[in-house]
């Protein structure tokens, strides 16, 4: 006798298969949702991209040089003070020619000296072929241990240039330097000594004769 298969038994594998398929789909959805970057999907957030282009440079260009430059300085910023002391201040005026600085010749230079006591002094000079002007400034007592500032302005035709920072110096009181005085050495007077040279030669020949001389002394009473 042939046995008929049960319908209840054949329905179990189909249920298991359907359950497995549903579980697999849910797992895939869960994995995709957890692995996505919400920041990229947020409204208004741009997507970061990198673009490389060769042969293009967008940096800032090199600024052009000015037409004129000027400056001033003191060769000795701490000169020793003296009644007739002189401090030399230098100023230079240059023009840019084909990218190179060239001295401006025969330009008028005016130096304004600001002394510490509040007074001012004006000195005038003219630049040479190298664009340098020299000012000889007599020292004042107010410059001792105080800052003296010098502002310089150059003029050539319609061009004017004022140094960006003032030249300066401060006079100091220098300590006297000891001078070594040489003491004269005593003078010794020497007496010349004559040493005879050669040999003595007797004059004459023969044996010398000596004749005695008798002197009588008288006795008293005779």
Protein backbone atom coordinates (compact mmCIF):
# COMPACT_ATOMS: atom_id res chain seq x y z
CA UNK A 1 0.00 0.00 0.00
CA UNK A 2 1.45 3.48 -1.03
CA UNK A 3 1.60 6.19 1.59
CA UNK A 4 0.38 9.68 0.66
CA UNK A 5 2.68 12.60 1.72
CA UNK A 6 1.27 14.85 4.40
CA UNK A 7 0.47 18.45 3.41
CA UNK A 8 1.46 19.77 6.87
CA UNK A 9 4.98 18.45 6.52
CA UNK A 10 5.54 20.06 3.06
CA UNK A 11 4.40 23.50 4.34
CA UNK A 12 7.22 23.80 6.95
CA UNK A 13 10.15 24.19 4.54
CA UNK A 14 8.35 26.94 2.63
CA UNK A 15 7.73 28.92 5.82
CA UNK A 16 11.32 28.63 6.79
CA UNK A 17 12.47 29.82 3.37
CA UNK A 18 10.17 32.83 3.44
CA UNK A 19 11.32 33.75 6.91
CA UNK A 20 14.95 33.50 5.86
CA UNK A 21 14.41 35.73 2.83
CA UNK A 22 12.65 38.39 4.89
CA UNK A 23 15.39 38.29 7.52
CA UNK A 24 18.06 38.66 4.85
CA UNK A 25 16.35 41.70 3.34
CA UNK A 26 15.99 43.37 6.74
CA UNK A 27 19.66 42.73 7.50
CA UNK A 28 20.74 44.34 4.23
CA UNK A 29 18.58 47.40 4.90
CA UNK A 30 20.04 47.73 8.40
CA UNK A 31 23.62 47.46 7.14
CA UNK A 32 23.09 50.07 4.41
CA UNK A 33 21.46 52.52 6.83
CA UNK A 34 24.27 52.20 9.39
CA UNK A 35 27.07 52.53 6.85
CA UNK A 36 25.78 55.71 5.18
CA UNK A 37 27.25 59.14 6.07
CA UNK A 38 24.41 61.38 7.18
CA UNK A 39 26.59 64.50 6.89
CA UNK A 40 26.86 64.13 3.16
CA UNK A 41 23.08 63.82 2.86
CA UNK A 42 22.27 66.77 5.10
CA UNK A 43 20.64 69.65 3.25
CA UNK A 44 22.98 72.52 2.49
CA UNK A 45 26.21 70.55 3.13
CA UNK A 46 28.37 70.52 -0.01
CA UNK A 47 30.17 67.41 -1.08
CA UNK A 48 33.95 67.74 -0.70
CA UNK A 49 35.75 67.38 -4.01
CA UNK A 50 39.39 67.86 -5.06
CA UNK A 51 40.32 69.15 -8.49
CA UNK A 52 43.97 69.19 -9.58
CA UNK A 53 44.91 71.41 -12.49
CA UNK A 54 48.46 71.55 -13.78
CA UNK A 55 50.04 74.63 -15.33
CA UNK A 56 47.90 77.12 -13.38
CA UNK A 57 49.05 79.31 -10.46
CA UNK A 58 46.65 81.48 -8.50
CA UNK A 59 49.11 82.88 -5.87
CA UNK A 60 49.55 86.57 -5.10
CA UNK A 61 51.79 88.36 -7.61
CA UNK A 62 55.01 90.07 -6.48
CA UNK A 63 54.27 93.74 -5.72
CA UNK A 64 55.99 96.34 -7.88
CA UNK A 65 58.91 98.32 -6.45
CA UNK A 66 58.39 101.95 -5.52
CA UNK A 67 59.86 104.59 -7.77
CA UNK A 68 61.93 106.22 -5.00
CA UNK A 69 63.39 105.18 -1.65
CA UNK A 70 65.20 107.13 1.08
CA UNK A 71 66.77 106.52 4.46
CA UNK A 72 69.01 108.10 7.09
CA UNK A 73 71.44 106.95 9.79
CA UNK A 74 74.26 108.00 12.14
CA UNK A 75 77.61 106.26 11.85
CA UNK A 76 78.14 106.55 15.61
CA UNK A 77 75.00 106.47 17.74
CA UNK A 78 76.90 107.10 20.99
CA UNK A 79 79.51 109.79 20.25
CA UNK A 80 81.62 111.12 23.14
CA UNK A 81 80.64 114.65 24.04
CA UNK A 82 83.09 117.53 23.74
CA UNK A 83 82.75 121.29 23.35
CA UNK A 84 83.78 121.15 19.68
CA UNK A 85 82.37 117.69 18.95
CA UNK A 86 80.73 116.98 15.57
CA UNK A 87 78.24 114.21 14.78
CA UNK A 88 77.85 113.16 11.13
CA UNK A 89 74.42 112.12 9.85
CA UNK A 90 74.02 110.43 6.46
CA UNK A 91 70.96 110.31 4.21
CA UNK A 92 70.50 108.40 0.94
CA UNK A 93 68.02 109.01 -1.88
CA UNK A 94 67.62 106.34 -4.59
CA UNK A 95 65.46 105.77 -7.65
CA UNK A 96 64.40 102.38 -9.03
CA UNK A 97 65.70 101.95 -12.58
CA UNK A 98 64.97 98.60 -14.29
CA UNK A 99 64.55 96.95 -10.91
CA UNK A 100 67.82 98.29 -9.48
CA UNK A 101 68.35 101.18 -7.00
CA UNK A 102 70.29 104.13 -8.45
CA UNK A 103 71.38 107.17 -6.46
CA UNK A 104 69.61 110.44 -7.21
CA UNK A 105 72.23 113.08 -7.91
CA UNK A 106 71.98 116.77 -6.95
CA UNK A 107 68.83 116.35 -4.86
CA UNK A 108 68.08 118.82 -2.06
CA UNK A 109 68.19 117.29 1.42
CA UNK A 110 66.85 119.01 4.55
CA UNK A 111 67.59 117.61 8.02
CA UNK A 112 65.52 118.71 11.01
CA UNK A 113 67.26 117.99 14.33
CA UNK A 114 65.03 117.60 17.39
CA UNK A 115 67.11 118.34 20.50
CA UNK A 116 66.08 116.97 23.90
CA UNK A 117 65.59 120.48 25.32
CA UNK A 118 62.74 121.06 22.84
CA UNK A 119 64.66 123.22 20.36
CA UNK A 120 64.99 122.38 16.66
CA UNK A 121 67.77 122.93 14.15
CA UNK A 122 67.64 122.77 10.34
CA UNK A 123 70.60 121.75 8.19
CA UNK A 124 70.75 121.65 4.38
CA UNK A 125 72.84 119.46 2.08
CA UNK A 126 72.91 118.17 -1.50
CA UNK A 127 73.22 114.56 -2.61
CA UNK A 128 76.17 113.34 -4.65
CA UNK A 129 76.20 110.94 -7.57
CA UNK A 130 75.64 108.04 -5.15
CA UNK A 131 72.54 109.74 -3.71
CA UNK A 132 74.17 110.35 -0.30
CA UNK A 133 73.97 113.64 1.61
CA UNK A 134 76.13 114.33 4.69
CA UNK A 135 75.16 116.59 7.60
CA UNK A 136 77.75 117.82 10.15
CA UNK A 137 75.90 118.55 13.39
CA UNK A 138 77.71 120.29 16.30
CA UNK A 139 77.00 118.57 19.62
CA UNK A 140 75.02 120.31 22.33
CA UNK A 141 75.07 119.70 26.12
CA UNK A 142 71.39 118.68 26.02
CA UNK A 143 72.38 115.63 23.95
CA UNK A 144 74.31 114.09 26.86
CA UNK A 145 72.51 110.86 27.85
CA UNK A 146 69.44 111.93 25.85
CA UNK A 147 68.10 110.80 22.48
CA UNK A 148 68.48 113.21 19.54
CA UNK A 149 66.31 112.51 16.47
CA UNK A 150 66.97 113.71 12.92
CA UNK A 151 64.27 113.72 10.24
CA UNK A 152 65.45 114.04 6.61
CA UNK A 153 63.43 115.01 3.52
CA UNK A 154 64.73 114.77 -0.06
CA UNK A 155 63.43 116.72 -3.04
CA UNK A 156 64.30 116.21 -6.70
CA UNK A 157 62.06 118.00 -9.19
CA UNK A 158 58.50 117.04 -8.34
CA UNK A 159 59.56 113.98 -6.33
CA UNK A 160 59.75 114.20 -2.53
CA UNK A 161 60.78 111.46 -0.12
CA UNK A 162 60.88 111.53 3.70
CA UNK A 163 62.81 108.84 5.54
CA UNK A 164 60.39 106.34 7.19
CA UNK A 165 62.20 106.37 10.54
CA UNK A 166 64.31 109.15 12.03
CA UNK A 167 68.06 108.85 12.45
CA UNK A 168 69.24 109.19 16.04
CA UNK A 169 72.20 109.41 18.42
CA UNK A 170 72.92 109.92 22.12
CA UNK A 171 76.02 111.76 23.32
CA UNK A 172 77.91 110.27 26.26
CA UNK A 173 80.53 111.55 28.67
CA UNK A 174 83.70 109.63 28.00
CA UNK A 175 86.13 108.94 30.84
CA UNK A 176 89.55 110.58 30.41
CA UNK A 177 92.25 108.26 29.22
CA UNK A 178 95.42 108.14 31.31
CA UNK A 179 98.53 109.17 29.41
CA UNK A 180 101.87 107.61 30.24
CA UNK A 181 104.62 110.28 30.53
CA UNK A 182 108.13 109.03 29.97
CA UNK A 183 110.57 109.94 32.75
CA UNK A 184 113.96 111.18 31.55
CA UNK A 185 116.83 108.91 32.44
CA UNK A 186 119.76 110.38 34.46
CA UNK A 187 122.72 111.55 32.43
CA UNK A 188 126.10 110.21 33.50
CA UNK A 189 129.20 112.36 32.72
CA UNK A 190 132.22 110.25 32.02
CA UNK A 191 135.82 111.37 32.36
CA UNK A 192 137.89 110.40 29.38
CA UNK A 193 140.85 108.17 30.12
CA UNK A 194 143.98 108.48 28.00
CA UNK A 195 146.02 105.35 27.64
CA UNK A 196 149.50 105.97 26.23
CA UNK A 197 150.59 103.74 23.49
CA UNK A 198 154.04 102.89 22.22
CA UNK A 199 157.37 102.69 24.26
CA UNK A 200 159.60 105.24 26.05
CA UNK A 201 162.99 105.97 24.44
CA UNK A 202 165.69 107.44 26.68
CA UNK A 203 167.49 110.51 25.42
CA UNK A 204 171.30 110.59 25.59
CA UNK A 205 173.89 107.99 26.36
CA UNK A 206 176.32 107.13 29.13
CA UNK A 207 176.06 106.81 32.88
CA UNK A 208 174.53 109.71 34.71
CA UNK A 209 176.75 111.43 37.31
CA UNK A 210 175.23 112.59 40.59
CA UNK A 211 177.09 115.34 42.55
CA UNK A 212 175.91 115.67 46.10
CA UNK A 213 175.45 119.16 47.54
CA UNK A 214 176.32 119.69 51.24
CA UNK A 215 174.62 122.45 53.16
CA UNK A 216 176.05 123.40 56.55
CA UNK A 217 173.74 124.59 59.26
CA UNK A 218 175.50 127.01 61.74
CA UNK A 219 175.23 126.22 65.44
CA UNK A 220 174.16 128.86 67.88
CA UNK A 221 177.05 130.75 69.58
CA UNK A 222 179.43 130.59 66.65
